[in-house]
Amino acid sequence: MQKIDKKHLVGLAIGDGYIHQKGNSCRLCITHSEKQLSYLEAKAKRLEKAFGCKIYIMPFNNNGYKAYRIQISHDYFRVVHKWLY
């Protein structure tokens, strides 16, 4: 992962997403409304490039509103989680 990618990940965790911790595992979660689906797709492509894996966009019911979510796990998110929370 390049430095610019690390800065981008921290920005995502502060802005549009959050880092969920369960045990020793941490994952970045980002949810957007149906209107922002293309924006989420662009984020997924950038994360795929940074991590070298396929990221799936999943439909999500956000309190009755149609939304979409991406999630990705990586050891680096434990470091970011410690910084932010």
Protein backbone atom coordinates (compact mmCIF):
# COMPACT_ATOMS: atom_id res chain seq x y z
CA MET A 1 0.00 0.00 0.00
CA GLN A 2 1.36 3.43 -0.95
CA LYS A 3 1.46 6.48 1.34
CA ILE A 4 -1.23 8.27 -0.61
CA ASP A 5 -3.49 5.27 -0.13
CA LYS A 6 -2.94 5.38 3.64
CA LYS A 7 -3.94 9.06 3.75
CA HIS A 8 -7.01 8.27 1.70
CA LEU A 9 -8.02 5.49 4.11
CA VAL A 10 -7.74 7.76 7.13
CA GLY A 11 -9.85 10.36 5.31
CA LEU A 12 -12.51 7.78 4.52
CA ALA A 13 -12.63 6.64 8.15
CA ILE A 14 -13.04 10.23 9.35
CA GLY A 15 -15.48 11.33 6.66
CA ASP A 16 -17.73 8.87 4.86
CA GLY A 17 -17.02 5.68 6.73
CA TYR A 18 -16.04 4.19 10.03
CA ILE A 19 -13.80 1.41 11.27
CA HIS A 20 -15.61 -1.44 12.97
CA GLN A 21 -13.62 -3.55 15.43
CA LYS A 22 -14.60 -7.05 16.47
CA GLY A 23 -11.99 -8.83 18.54
CA ASN A 24 -8.60 -8.36 16.89
CA SER A 25 -10.13 -7.71 13.47
CA CYS A 26 -10.95 -4.27 12.05
CA ARG A 27 -12.74 -3.38 8.85
CA LEU A 28 -13.57 -0.19 7.01
CA CYS A 29 -17.29 0.22 6.33
CA ILE A 30 -18.75 2.87 4.01
CA THR A 31 -22.47 3.34 3.37
CA HIS A 32 -24.07 5.70 0.86
CA SER A 33 -27.61 6.33 -0.35
CA GLU A 34 -28.90 5.11 -3.69
CA LYS A 35 -28.31 8.60 -5.13
CA GLN A 36 -24.60 8.32 -4.30
CA LEU A 37 -24.06 4.85 -5.75
CA SER A 38 -21.67 6.02 -8.49
CA TYR A 39 -19.61 7.84 -5.83
CA LEU A 40 -19.41 4.61 -3.80
CA GLU A 41 -18.42 2.66 -6.93
CA ALA A 42 -15.52 5.07 -7.48
CA LYS A 43 -14.39 4.57 -3.88
CA ALA A 44 -14.60 0.78 -4.26
CA LYS A 45 -12.40 0.92 -7.38
CA ARG A 46 -9.78 3.00 -5.58
CA LEU A 47 -9.77 0.59 -2.63
CA GLU A 48 -9.52 -2.40 -5.00
CA LYS A 49 -6.44 -0.82 -6.56
CA ALA A 50 -4.88 -0.13 -3.15
CA PHE A 51 -5.50 -3.62 -1.73
CA GLY A 52 -5.44 -5.74 -4.89
CA CYS A 53 -8.76 -7.44 -4.20
CA LYS A 54 -12.36 -7.29 -5.41
CA ILE A 55 -14.71 -5.20 -3.28
CA TYR A 56 -18.40 -5.97 -3.55
CA ILE A 57 -21.10 -3.34 -3.21
CA MET A 58 -23.97 -4.70 -1.14
CA PRO A 59 -27.52 -3.33 -0.97
CA PHE A 60 -28.47 -2.19 2.50
CA ASN A 61 -31.70 -1.08 4.19
CA ASN A 62 -30.84 2.14 6.01
CA ASN A 63 -33.92 2.71 8.21
CA GLY A 64 -36.28 2.22 5.28
CA TYR A 65 -34.08 4.01 2.75
CA LYS A 66 -32.29 2.12 -0.01
CA ALA A 67 -28.54 2.34 0.50
CA TYR A 68 -25.35 0.52 -0.48
CA ARG A 69 -22.36 -0.57 1.59
CA ILE A 70 -18.80 -1.71 1.07
CA GLN A 71 -16.60 -3.38 3.69
CA ILE A 72 -12.95 -4.34 3.62
CA SER A 73 -10.72 -5.88 6.29
CA HIS A 74 -6.99 -5.27 6.58
CA ASP A 75 -4.39 -5.22 9.37
CA TYR A 76 -3.75 -1.52 8.69
CA PHE A 77 -7.26 -0.68 9.93
CA ARG A 78 -6.23 -1.74 13.45
CA VAL A 79 -3.58 1.02 13.37
CA VAL A 80 -6.07 3.59 12.07
CA HIS A 81 -8.65 2.47 14.66
CA LYS A 82 -6.13 3.13 17.47
CA TRP A 83 -5.41 6.63 16.10
CA LEU A 84 -9.05 7.62 15.72
CA TYR A 85 -10.86 5.94 18.58
